[in-house]
Amino acid sequence: MSSTRELPLFPLSAVLFPGGPLPLRIFEPRYVDMVGRCLREGSGFAVVLLTDGNEAGEAIEFAEVGTEARIVDFDRLDDGLLGLSCVGQQRIRVLEAWRQPDGLNMGRVEDLPPDPALAIPEEYRHLAAVLQQILPQLGEAYAHVERHFGDAGWVASRLAELLPIELTDKQSLLETTDPVARLEVLAPIVRLRSH
């Protein structure tokens, strides 16, 4: 049986993939406190897709599969808000969730297995080439992201986060455990976008 742990939950209208960047602007006290705790303890928080409600609201529902985020850089922004640069770590499944008195959502989570290291099949190599052209144009956003253009899971995750597809489709791709199956879904979308 896999071991479980507690993590703060951060429901967002976004899907974070392992290895991907997540810039955040923090202003709510519950999240400022969470960030302070994460920085002190060297821990992360789970980003889960918001399925009902709004990010600053009380009553919310969210997907049970998400990704742990680690804070890699932070800054006080010109508007006084806290700016964070985070990077996705491993996928997690929320087994149980509750809300603390300060409004912060907490969860008991289990880690999901990482993508197996797989070379990109020949018919999808063009997808890595597309990414190699796009990433340098994204500047700061991908400054903290390692590059693994030969890895099927890495390429699939980067394309899934960058392509303008529905959040429900991104969530479905996050939950797909086979990286080549993810490439199979994304390849026709990349073909459509490039014509």
N, C-alpha and C. Protein backbone atom coordinates (compact mmCIF):
# COMPACT_ATOMS: atom_id res chain seq x y z
N MET A 1 0.84 -1.20 0.00
CA MET A 1 0.00 0.00 0.00
C MET A 1 0.88 1.25 0.00
N SER A 2 0.45 2.26 -0.78
CA SER A 2 1.25 3.49 -0.84
C SER A 2 1.04 4.30 0.43
N SER A 3 2.06 5.04 0.80
CA SER A 3 1.95 5.84 2.02
C SER A 3 1.21 7.14 1.72
N THR A 4 0.61 7.70 2.74
CA THR A 4 -0.14 8.95 2.55
C THR A 4 0.49 10.03 3.42
N ARG A 5 0.18 11.28 3.07
CA ARG A 5 0.69 12.42 3.84
C ARG A 5 -0.32 13.55 3.73
N GLU A 6 -0.12 14.56 4.56
CA GLU A 6 -1.00 15.73 4.51
C GLU A 6 -0.33 16.84 3.73
N LEU A 7 -1.11 17.50 2.88
CA LEU A 7 -0.62 18.66 2.13
C LEU A 7 -1.70 19.73 2.11
N PRO A 8 -1.30 21.00 2.11
CA PRO A 8 -2.28 22.05 1.84
C PRO A 8 -2.77 21.88 0.40
N LEU A 9 -4.05 22.16 0.16
CA LEU A 9 -4.62 22.07 -1.18
C LEU A 9 -4.86 23.47 -1.72
N PHE A 10 -4.49 23.67 -2.96
CA PHE A 10 -4.66 24.97 -3.61
C PHE A 10 -5.52 24.75 -4.85
N PRO A 11 -6.86 24.89 -4.71
CA PRO A 11 -7.73 24.70 -5.88
C PRO A 11 -7.60 25.90 -6.82
N LEU A 12 -7.33 25.63 -8.09
CA LEU A 12 -7.12 26.69 -9.09
C LEU A 12 -7.88 26.36 -10.36
N SER A 13 -8.14 27.37 -11.16
CA SER A 13 -8.69 27.16 -12.50
C SER A 13 -7.51 26.92 -13.44
N ALA A 14 -6.71 25.92 -13.12
CA ALA A 14 -5.52 25.58 -13.90
C ALA A 14 -5.13 24.15 -13.56
N VAL A 15 -4.44 23.51 -14.52
CA VAL A 15 -3.92 22.15 -14.29
C VAL A 15 -2.40 22.25 -14.34
N LEU A 16 -1.77 21.82 -13.26
CA LEU A 16 -0.31 21.82 -13.17
C LEU A 16 0.19 20.41 -13.47
N PHE A 17 1.18 20.32 -14.37
CA PHE A 17 1.78 19.03 -14.71
C PHE A 17 3.13 18.89 -14.02
N PRO A 18 3.54 17.66 -13.73
CA PRO A 18 4.88 17.47 -13.15
C PRO A 18 5.94 18.10 -14.05
N GLY A 19 6.85 18.85 -13.43
CA GLY A 19 7.92 19.50 -14.19
C GLY A 19 7.55 20.84 -14.79
N GLY A 20 6.27 21.22 -14.69
CA GLY A 20 5.81 22.45 -15.33
C GLY A 20 5.83 23.64 -14.39
N PRO A 21 5.83 24.86 -14.97
CA PRO A 21 5.88 26.08 -14.16
C PRO A 21 4.50 26.54 -13.72
N LEU A 22 4.46 27.18 -12.57
CA LEU A 22 3.22 27.77 -12.08
C LEU A 22 3.55 29.10 -11.41
N PRO A 23 3.30 30.22 -12.10
CA PRO A 23 3.46 31.52 -11.45
C PRO A 23 2.18 31.83 -10.68
N LEU A 24 2.32 32.34 -9.46
CA LEU A 24 1.14 32.66 -8.65
C LEU A 24 1.29 34.05 -8.06
N ARG A 25 0.15 34.71 -7.88
CA ARG A 25 0.10 35.98 -7.15
C ARG A 25 -0.75 35.71 -5.91
N ILE A 26 -0.14 35.84 -4.75
CA ILE A 26 -0.80 35.47 -3.50
C ILE A 26 -1.21 36.72 -2.73
N PHE A 27 -2.48 36.74 -2.31
CA PHE A 27 -2.93 37.88 -1.51
C PHE A 27 -3.80 37.46 -0.33
N GLU A 28 -4.46 36.30 -0.41
CA GLU A 28 -5.33 35.88 0.69
C GLU A 28 -4.48 35.44 1.88
N PRO A 29 -4.85 35.88 3.10
CA PRO A 29 -4.07 35.54 4.29
C PRO A 29 -3.83 34.03 4.45
N ARG A 30 -4.86 33.20 4.12
CA ARG A 30 -4.69 31.75 4.30
C ARG A 30 -3.56 31.22 3.42
N TYR A 31 -3.40 31.81 2.22
CA TYR A 31 -2.35 31.34 1.32
C TYR A 31 -1.00 31.97 1.63
N VAL A 32 -1.01 33.20 2.13
CA VAL A 32 0.26 33.82 2.58
C VAL A 32 0.84 32.98 3.73
N ASP A 33 -0.03 32.56 4.67
CA ASP A 33 0.41 31.70 5.78
C ASP A 33 0.93 30.36 5.24
N MET A 34 0.21 29.79 4.27
CA MET A 34 0.62 28.50 3.69
C MET A 34 2.00 28.61 3.05
N VAL A 35 2.23 29.70 2.32
CA VAL A 35 3.52 29.90 1.66
C VAL A 35 4.63 29.99 2.70
N GLY A 36 4.38 30.76 3.79
CA GLY A 36 5.37 30.88 4.85
C GLY A 36 5.72 29.52 5.44
N ARG A 37 4.70 28.70 5.66
CA ARG A 37 4.93 27.37 6.22
C ARG A 37 5.71 26.48 5.23
N CYS A 38 5.33 26.53 3.97
CA CYS A 38 6.03 25.73 2.94
C CYS A 38 7.51 26.13 2.86
N LEU A 39 7.78 27.42 2.91
CA LEU A 39 9.17 27.90 2.82
C LEU A 39 9.96 27.48 4.06
N ARG A 40 9.35 27.61 5.24
CA ARG A 40 10.03 27.20 6.49
C ARG A 40 10.34 25.71 6.51
N GLU A 41 9.36 24.91 6.07
CA GLU A 41 9.50 23.46 6.18
C GLU A 41 10.09 22.81 4.93
N GLY A 42 10.31 23.60 3.88
CA GLY A 42 10.81 23.04 2.63
C GLY A 42 9.81 22.06 2.02
N SER A 43 8.52 22.33 2.23
CA SER A 43 7.48 21.42 1.74
C SER A 43 6.72 22.05 0.58
N GLY A 44 5.82 21.28 0.00
CA GLY A 44 5.04 21.79 -1.11
C GLY A 44 3.56 21.87 -0.76
N PHE A 45 2.75 22.13 -1.78
CA PHE A 45 1.29 22.14 -1.64
C PHE A 45 0.72 21.53 -2.91
N ALA A 46 -0.50 21.02 -2.82
CA ALA A 46 -1.10 20.34 -3.96
C ALA A 46 -1.99 21.29 -4.75
N VAL A 47 -1.73 21.39 -6.04
CA VAL A 47 -2.58 22.18 -6.94
C VAL A 47 -3.61 21.22 -7.54
N VAL A 48 -4.89 21.53 -7.32
CA VAL A 48 -5.98 20.69 -7.83
C VAL A 48 -6.91 21.57 -8.66
N LEU A 49 -7.43 21.00 -9.75
CA LEU A 49 -8.32 21.76 -10.63
C LEU A 49 -9.65 22.02 -9.94
N LEU A 50 -10.03 23.29 -9.92
CA LEU A 50 -11.31 23.71 -9.36
C LEU A 50 -12.41 23.27 -10.33
N THR A 51 -13.38 22.50 -9.85
CA THR A 51 -14.46 22.04 -10.74
C THR A 51 -15.77 22.76 -10.45
N ASP A 52 -15.88 23.38 -9.27
CA ASP A 52 -17.07 24.14 -8.94
C ASP A 52 -16.72 25.17 -7.87
N GLY A 53 -17.22 26.40 -8.04
CA GLY A 53 -16.90 27.47 -7.10
C GLY A 53 -15.85 28.38 -7.71
N ASN A 54 -15.33 29.34 -6.91
CA ASN A 54 -14.27 30.19 -7.43
C ASN A 54 -13.07 30.15 -6.49
N GLU A 55 -11.93 30.58 -7.02
CA GLU A 55 -10.66 30.43 -6.30
C GLU A 55 -10.64 31.12 -4.94
N ALA A 56 -11.34 32.23 -4.82
CA ALA A 56 -11.31 32.96 -3.54
C ALA A 56 -12.51 32.63 -2.67
N GLY A 57 -13.38 31.73 -3.14
CA GLY A 57 -14.63 31.47 -2.43
C GLY A 57 -14.50 30.43 -1.33
N GLU A 58 -15.63 30.13 -0.73
CA GLU A 58 -15.69 29.18 0.38
C GLU A 58 -16.06 27.78 -0.12
N ALA A 59 -17.29 27.64 -0.63
CA ALA A 59 -17.77 26.32 -1.04
C ALA A 59 -17.21 25.98 -2.42
N ILE A 60 -16.36 24.95 -2.46
CA ILE A 60 -15.73 24.59 -3.72
C ILE A 60 -15.64 23.08 -3.87
N GLU A 61 -15.54 22.66 -5.12
CA GLU A 61 -15.26 21.26 -5.43
C GLU A 61 -14.05 21.24 -6.34
N PHE A 62 -13.25 20.18 -6.22
CA PHE A 62 -12.06 20.10 -7.06
C PHE A 62 -11.76 18.66 -7.44
N ALA A 63 -10.94 18.51 -8.49
CA ALA A 63 -10.55 17.19 -8.97
C ALA A 63 -9.74 16.47 -7.90
N GLU A 64 -9.83 15.14 -7.88
CA GLU A 64 -9.10 14.40 -6.84
C GLU A 64 -7.65 14.15 -7.23
N VAL A 65 -7.32 14.26 -8.52
CA VAL A 65 -5.92 14.10 -8.94
C VAL A 65 -5.34 15.48 -9.23
N GLY A 66 -4.19 15.76 -8.63
CA GLY A 66 -3.52 17.04 -8.83
C GLY A 66 -2.02 16.83 -8.84
N THR A 67 -1.28 17.91 -8.67
CA THR A 67 0.18 17.84 -8.70
C THR A 67 0.74 18.65 -7.54
N GLU A 68 1.72 18.08 -6.86
CA GLU A 68 2.38 18.84 -5.79
C GLU A 68 3.24 19.93 -6.43
N ALA A 69 3.17 21.13 -5.88
CA ALA A 69 3.97 22.26 -6.37
C ALA A 69 5.02 22.61 -5.32
N ARG A 70 6.23 22.92 -5.78
CA ARG A 70 7.30 23.41 -4.89
C ARG A 70 7.60 24.85 -5.27
N ILE A 71 7.81 25.67 -4.26
CA ILE A 71 8.15 27.08 -4.50
C ILE A 71 9.65 27.15 -4.79
N VAL A 72 10.00 27.70 -5.96
CA VAL A 72 11.42 27.81 -6.32
C VAL A 72 11.93 29.25 -6.25
N ASP A 73 11.01 30.21 -6.21
CA ASP A 73 11.41 31.61 -6.12
C ASP A 73 10.20 32.43 -5.67
N PHE A 74 10.45 33.54 -4.99
CA PHE A 74 9.34 34.41 -4.60
C PHE A 74 9.82 35.85 -4.57
N ASP A 75 8.85 36.76 -4.63
CA ASP A 75 9.18 38.17 -4.76
C ASP A 75 7.98 38.99 -4.30
N ARG A 76 8.23 40.17 -3.76
CA ARG A 76 7.13 41.10 -3.45
C ARG A 76 6.89 41.90 -4.72
N LEU A 77 5.67 41.84 -5.24
CA LEU A 77 5.36 42.51 -6.51
C LEU A 77 5.07 43.99 -6.28
N ASP A 78 5.08 44.75 -7.37
CA ASP A 78 4.85 46.20 -7.30
C ASP A 78 3.51 46.54 -6.65
N ASP A 79 2.51 45.67 -6.86
CA ASP A 79 1.19 45.94 -6.29
C ASP A 79 1.07 45.46 -4.84
N GLY A 80 2.21 45.03 -4.25
CA GLY A 80 2.21 44.60 -2.86
C GLY A 80 1.88 43.13 -2.65
N LEU A 81 1.48 42.45 -3.72
CA LEU A 81 1.16 41.02 -3.60
C LEU A 81 2.45 40.21 -3.58
N LEU A 82 2.30 38.96 -3.15
CA LEU A 82 3.44 38.05 -3.12
C LEU A 82 3.45 37.27 -4.43
N GLY A 83 4.55 37.36 -5.18
CA GLY A 83 4.69 36.63 -6.44
C GLY A 83 5.50 35.38 -6.22
N LEU A 84 4.97 34.24 -6.66
CA LEU A 84 5.67 32.97 -6.50
C LEU A 84 5.98 32.36 -7.85
N SER A 85 7.12 31.70 -7.94
CA SER A 85 7.41 30.81 -9.06
C SER A 85 7.45 29.41 -8.47
N CYS A 86 6.59 28.54 -8.98
CA CYS A 86 6.52 27.16 -8.49
C CYS A 86 6.76 26.21 -9.66
N VAL A 87 7.18 25.00 -9.33
CA VAL A 87 7.36 23.95 -10.33
C VAL A 87 6.64 22.71 -9.85
N GLY A 88 5.92 22.06 -10.77
CA GLY A 88 5.20 20.84 -10.45
C GLY A 88 6.15 19.70 -10.11
N GLN A 89 5.79 18.93 -9.11
CA GLN A 89 6.57 17.76 -8.71
C GLN A 89 5.79 16.51 -9.14
N GLN A 90 5.45 15.65 -8.20
CA GLN A 90 4.73 14.44 -8.60
C GLN A 90 3.23 14.63 -8.53
N ARG A 91 2.54 13.78 -9.29
CA ARG A 91 1.08 13.77 -9.24
C ARG A 91 0.64 13.13 -7.92
N ILE A 92 -0.50 13.62 -7.42
CA ILE A 92 -1.05 13.10 -6.17
C ILE A 92 -2.54 12.84 -6.36
N ARG A 93 -3.08 11.98 -5.49
CA ARG A 93 -4.52 11.78 -5.44
C ARG A 93 -4.98 12.20 -4.04
N VAL A 94 -6.02 13.03 -3.98
CA VAL A 94 -6.58 13.47 -2.70
C VAL A 94 -7.54 12.39 -2.21
N LEU A 95 -7.23 11.83 -1.06
CA LEU A 95 -8.06 10.76 -0.49
C LEU A 95 -9.12 11.31 0.44
N GLU A 96 -8.80 12.44 1.07
CA GLU A 96 -9.70 13.05 2.05
C GLU A 96 -9.35 14.53 2.11
N ALA A 97 -10.35 15.39 2.21
CA ALA A 97 -10.09 16.83 2.27
C ALA A 97 -10.93 17.47 3.38
N TRP A 98 -10.39 18.52 3.98
CA TRP A 98 -11.11 19.28 5.00
C TRP A 98 -10.62 20.72 4.96
N ARG A 99 -11.39 21.57 5.61
CA ARG A 99 -11.06 22.99 5.64
C ARG A 99 -10.68 23.40 7.06
N GLN A 100 -9.54 24.07 7.19
CA GLN A 100 -9.10 24.57 8.50
C GLN A 100 -9.93 25.80 8.88
N PRO A 101 -9.89 26.20 10.16
CA PRO A 101 -10.63 27.39 10.59
C PRO A 101 -10.22 28.65 9.80
N ASP A 102 -8.96 28.74 9.35
CA ASP A 102 -8.53 29.93 8.60
C ASP A 102 -8.96 29.87 7.14
N GLY A 103 -9.67 28.79 6.74
CA GLY A 103 -10.16 28.69 5.37
C GLY A 103 -9.27 27.90 4.44
N LEU A 104 -8.07 27.51 4.91
CA LEU A 104 -7.15 26.76 4.05
C LEU A 104 -7.66 25.32 3.90
N ASN A 105 -7.71 24.86 2.66
CA ASN A 105 -8.07 23.47 2.40
C ASN A 105 -6.86 22.59 2.63
N MET A 106 -7.07 21.48 3.33
CA MET A 106 -6.01 20.51 3.58
C MET A 106 -6.47 19.17 3.03
N GLY A 107 -5.51 18.30 2.73
CA GLY A 107 -5.89 16.99 2.22
C GLY A 107 -4.92 15.91 2.66
N ARG A 108 -5.46 14.69 2.78
CA ARG A 108 -4.61 13.52 2.94
C ARG A 108 -4.44 12.99 1.53
N VAL A 109 -3.20 12.91 1.07
CA VAL A 109 -2.94 12.56 -0.33
C VAL A 109 -2.01 11.35 -0.41
N GLU A 110 -2.10 10.66 -1.55
CA GLU A 110 -1.12 9.63 -1.85
C GLU A 110 -0.39 10.04 -3.12
N ASP A 111 0.91 9.74 -3.19
CA ASP A 111 1.67 10.03 -4.40
C ASP A 111 1.32 9.01 -5.47
N LEU A 112 1.16 9.49 -6.69
CA LEU A 112 0.92 8.59 -7.82
C LEU A 112 2.26 8.32 -8.50
N PRO A 113 2.41 7.17 -9.14
CA PRO A 113 3.70 6.84 -9.75
C PRO A 113 4.08 7.86 -10.83
N PRO A 114 5.37 8.20 -10.93
CA PRO A 114 5.80 9.11 -11.98
C PRO A 114 5.70 8.43 -13.34
N ASP A 115 5.72 9.23 -14.40
CA ASP A 115 5.75 8.66 -15.75
C ASP A 115 6.97 7.77 -15.88
N PRO A 116 6.84 6.63 -16.56
CA PRO A 116 8.04 5.84 -16.85
C PRO A 116 8.92 6.62 -17.82
N ALA A 117 10.24 6.45 -17.71
CA ALA A 117 11.14 7.12 -18.65
C ALA A 117 11.06 6.39 -19.99
N LEU A 118 10.48 7.05 -20.98
CA LEU A 118 10.30 6.43 -22.30
C LEU A 118 10.83 7.36 -23.38
N ALA A 119 11.55 6.78 -24.33
CA ALA A 119 11.98 7.57 -25.50
C ALA A 119 10.74 7.89 -26.32
N ILE A 120 10.80 9.00 -27.04
CA ILE A 120 9.66 9.40 -27.87
C ILE A 120 9.62 8.50 -29.11
N PRO A 121 8.48 7.84 -29.36
CA PRO A 121 8.36 7.04 -30.57
C PRO A 121 8.57 7.90 -31.82
N GLU A 122 9.11 7.29 -32.85
CA GLU A 122 9.46 7.99 -34.09
C GLU A 122 8.34 8.90 -34.60
N GLU A 123 7.09 8.38 -34.58
CA GLU A 123 6.00 9.17 -35.19
C GLU A 123 5.64 10.43 -34.40
N TYR A 124 6.21 10.57 -33.19
CA TYR A 124 5.92 11.77 -32.39
C TYR A 124 7.15 12.66 -32.18
N ARG A 125 8.24 12.36 -32.85
CA ARG A 125 9.46 13.16 -32.64
C ARG A 125 9.26 14.62 -33.05
N HIS A 126 8.40 14.86 -34.03
CA HIS A 126 8.14 16.24 -34.47
C HIS A 126 7.57 17.08 -33.32
N LEU A 127 6.90 16.43 -32.36
CA LEU A 127 6.33 17.18 -31.23
C LEU A 127 7.43 17.78 -30.35
N ALA A 128 8.52 17.02 -30.18
CA ALA A 128 9.66 17.55 -29.42
C ALA A 128 10.29 18.72 -30.17
N ALA A 129 10.36 18.61 -31.50
CA ALA A 129 10.94 19.69 -32.31
C ALA A 129 10.10 20.96 -32.18
N VAL A 130 8.78 20.81 -32.16
CA VAL A 130 7.88 21.96 -31.99
C VAL A 130 8.17 22.64 -30.65
N LEU A 131 8.30 21.82 -29.60
CA LEU A 131 8.58 22.37 -28.27
C LEU A 131 9.92 23.10 -28.23
N GLN A 132 10.93 22.54 -28.91
CA GLN A 132 12.25 23.18 -28.93
C GLN A 132 12.19 24.56 -29.57
N GLN A 133 11.26 24.76 -30.48
CA GLN A 133 11.08 26.08 -31.11
C GLN A 133 10.32 27.03 -30.18
N ILE A 134 9.33 26.49 -29.47
CA ILE A 134 8.44 27.33 -28.67
C ILE A 134 9.06 27.79 -27.34
N LEU A 135 9.69 26.86 -26.62
CA LEU A 135 10.14 27.18 -25.25
C LEU A 135 11.05 28.40 -25.15
N PRO A 136 12.04 28.57 -26.05
CA PRO A 136 12.90 29.77 -25.91
C PRO A 136 12.12 31.08 -26.01
N GLN A 137 10.95 31.05 -26.66
CA GLN A 137 10.14 32.27 -26.81
C GLN A 137 9.35 32.59 -25.55
N LEU A 138 9.30 31.66 -24.61
CA LEU A 138 8.47 31.86 -23.41
C LEU A 138 9.22 32.51 -22.26
N GLY A 139 10.52 32.72 -22.46
CA GLY A 139 11.33 33.49 -21.51
C GLY A 139 11.23 33.03 -20.07
N GLU A 140 10.95 34.00 -19.18
CA GLU A 140 10.93 33.79 -17.74
C GLU A 140 10.04 32.65 -17.28
N ALA A 141 8.91 32.47 -17.94
CA ALA A 141 7.93 31.46 -17.50
C ALA A 141 8.57 30.08 -17.34
N TYR A 142 9.51 29.76 -18.20
CA TYR A 142 10.11 28.42 -18.16
C TYR A 142 11.55 28.44 -17.64
N ALA A 143 11.91 29.50 -16.94
CA ALA A 143 13.28 29.63 -16.42
C ALA A 143 13.66 28.52 -15.46
N HIS A 144 12.71 28.03 -14.66
CA HIS A 144 13.01 27.03 -13.63
C HIS A 144 12.67 25.60 -14.07
N VAL A 145 12.35 25.44 -15.36
CA VAL A 145 11.92 24.13 -15.85
C VAL A 145 13.08 23.40 -16.51
N GLU A 146 13.37 22.19 -16.02
CA GLU A 146 14.41 21.37 -16.66
C GLU A 146 13.93 20.94 -18.03
N ARG A 147 14.88 20.67 -18.92
CA ARG A 147 14.51 20.27 -20.28
C ARG A 147 14.90 18.82 -20.55
N HIS A 148 13.92 18.06 -21.06
CA HIS A 148 14.14 16.64 -21.38
C HIS A 148 13.43 16.34 -22.70
N PHE A 149 13.94 16.91 -23.79
CA PHE A 149 13.26 16.80 -25.08
C PHE A 149 13.18 15.38 -25.62
N GLY A 150 13.98 14.46 -25.07
CA GLY A 150 13.94 13.08 -25.55
C GLY A 150 12.97 12.21 -24.78
N ASP A 151 12.32 12.76 -23.74
CA ASP A 151 11.46 11.97 -22.86
C ASP A 151 9.98 12.17 -23.22
N ALA A 152 9.29 11.06 -23.51
CA ALA A 152 7.89 11.13 -23.96
C ALA A 152 6.99 11.82 -22.93
N GLY A 153 7.15 11.48 -21.64
CA GLY A 153 6.30 12.08 -20.61
C GLY A 153 6.53 13.57 -20.46
N TRP A 154 7.80 13.97 -20.52
CA TRP A 154 8.12 15.39 -20.38
C TRP A 154 7.54 16.19 -21.54
N VAL A 155 7.73 15.70 -22.76
CA VAL A 155 7.22 16.40 -23.95
C VAL A 155 5.69 16.46 -23.90
N ALA A 156 5.04 15.34 -23.54
CA ALA A 156 3.58 15.32 -23.46
C ALA A 156 3.07 16.32 -22.43
N SER A 157 3.74 16.38 -21.28
CA SER A 157 3.30 17.31 -20.22
C SER A 157 3.46 18.76 -20.65
N ARG A 158 4.59 19.11 -21.28
CA ARG A 158 4.80 20.49 -21.72
C ARG A 158 3.76 20.89 -22.76
N LEU A 159 3.48 20.01 -23.72
CA LEU A 159 2.48 20.34 -24.75
C LEU A 159 1.10 20.47 -24.13
N ALA A 160 0.75 19.57 -23.21
CA ALA A 160 -0.57 19.62 -22.57
C ALA A 160 -0.77 20.93 -21.82
N GLU A 161 0.28 21.43 -21.17
CA GLU A 161 0.12 22.68 -20.41
C GLU A 161 0.11 23.90 -21.33
N LEU A 162 0.78 23.81 -22.49
CA LEU A 162 0.89 24.98 -23.37
C LEU A 162 -0.25 25.11 -24.38
N LEU A 163 -0.79 24.00 -24.84
CA LEU A 163 -1.81 24.07 -25.88
C LEU A 163 -3.12 24.64 -25.34
N PRO A 164 -3.80 25.44 -26.16
CA PRO A 164 -5.07 26.04 -25.71
C PRO A 164 -6.21 25.03 -25.81
N ILE A 165 -6.23 24.08 -24.88
CA ILE A 165 -7.30 23.09 -24.84
C ILE A 165 -8.09 23.26 -23.54
N GLU A 166 -9.28 22.69 -23.50
CA GLU A 166 -10.16 22.82 -22.33
C GLU A 166 -9.47 22.29 -21.07
N LEU A 167 -9.77 22.92 -19.95
CA LEU A 167 -9.20 22.47 -18.67
C LEU A 167 -9.58 21.02 -18.36
N THR A 168 -10.80 20.61 -18.74
CA THR A 168 -11.20 19.22 -18.49
C THR A 168 -10.33 18.27 -19.31
N ASP A 169 -9.94 18.68 -20.52
CA ASP A 169 -9.05 17.85 -21.34
C ASP A 169 -7.65 17.80 -20.73
N LYS A 170 -7.19 18.94 -20.22
CA LYS A 170 -5.87 18.96 -19.55
C LYS A 170 -5.91 18.02 -18.33
N GLN A 171 -7.00 18.07 -17.57
CA GLN A 171 -7.13 17.21 -16.39
C GLN A 171 -7.10 15.74 -16.80
N SER A 172 -7.81 15.43 -17.88
CA SER A 172 -7.84 14.05 -18.36
C SER A 172 -6.43 13.59 -18.76
N LEU A 173 -5.66 14.48 -19.39
CA LEU A 173 -4.28 14.15 -19.77
C LEU A 173 -3.40 13.97 -18.54
N LEU A 174 -3.62 14.79 -17.51
CA LEU A 174 -2.86 14.64 -16.26
C LEU A 174 -3.12 13.26 -15.65
N GLU A 175 -4.37 12.80 -15.75
CA GLU A 175 -4.74 11.52 -15.15
C GLU A 175 -4.33 10.32 -16.00
N THR A 176 -3.93 10.56 -17.26
CA THR A 176 -3.50 9.47 -18.14
C THR A 176 -2.09 9.03 -17.74
N THR A 177 -1.94 7.77 -17.42
CA THR A 177 -0.65 7.30 -16.89
C THR A 177 0.34 6.90 -17.98
N ASP A 178 -0.11 6.74 -19.21
CA ASP A 178 0.77 6.34 -20.30
C ASP A 178 1.19 7.58 -21.10
N PRO A 179 2.48 7.97 -21.05
CA PRO A 179 2.91 9.18 -21.75
C PRO A 179 2.71 9.11 -23.26
N VAL A 180 2.85 7.91 -23.84
CA VAL A 180 2.68 7.79 -25.30
C VAL A 180 1.20 7.99 -25.66
N ALA A 181 0.30 7.53 -24.80
CA ALA A 181 -1.13 7.77 -25.03
C ALA A 181 -1.42 9.27 -25.00
N ARG A 182 -0.72 10.02 -24.13
CA ARG A 182 -0.89 11.47 -24.08
C ARG A 182 -0.42 12.11 -25.39
N LEU A 183 0.73 11.64 -25.90
CA LEU A 183 1.25 12.17 -27.17
C LEU A 183 0.26 11.90 -28.30
N GLU A 184 -0.35 10.72 -28.26
CA GLU A 184 -1.32 10.32 -29.29
C GLU A 184 -2.50 11.30 -29.32
N VAL A 185 -2.96 11.72 -28.15
CA VAL A 185 -4.07 12.67 -28.06
C VAL A 185 -3.64 14.06 -28.54
N LEU A 186 -2.41 14.45 -28.21
CA LEU A 186 -1.95 15.81 -28.50
C LEU A 186 -1.48 16.00 -29.94
N ALA A 187 -0.99 14.96 -30.58
CA ALA A 187 -0.43 15.10 -31.93
C ALA A 187 -1.38 15.74 -32.93
N PRO A 188 -2.66 15.31 -33.01
CA PRO A 188 -3.55 15.96 -33.98
C PRO A 188 -3.82 17.42 -33.66
N ILE A 189 -3.81 17.77 -32.38
CA ILE A 189 -4.03 19.17 -31.98
C ILE A 189 -2.87 20.03 -32.44
N VAL A 190 -1.65 19.53 -32.26
CA VAL A 190 -0.46 20.27 -32.71
C VAL A 190 -0.50 20.44 -34.22
N ARG A 191 -0.94 19.39 -34.92
CA ARG A 191 -1.02 19.45 -36.40
C ARG A 191 -2.01 20.53 -36.81
N LEU A 192 -3.18 20.58 -36.13
CA LEU A 192 -4.20 21.58 -36.45
C LEU A 192 -3.67 22.99 -36.20
N ARG A 193 -2.97 23.19 -35.07
CA ARG A 193 -2.49 24.52 -34.71
C ARG A 193 -1.41 25.01 -35.65
N SER A 194 -0.66 24.08 -36.26
CA SER A 194 0.47 24.54 -37.08
C SER A 194 0.09 24.75 -38.55
N HIS A 195 -1.20 24.52 -38.89
CA HIS A 195 -1.62 24.74 -40.28
C HIS A 195 -2.46 25.98 -40.39
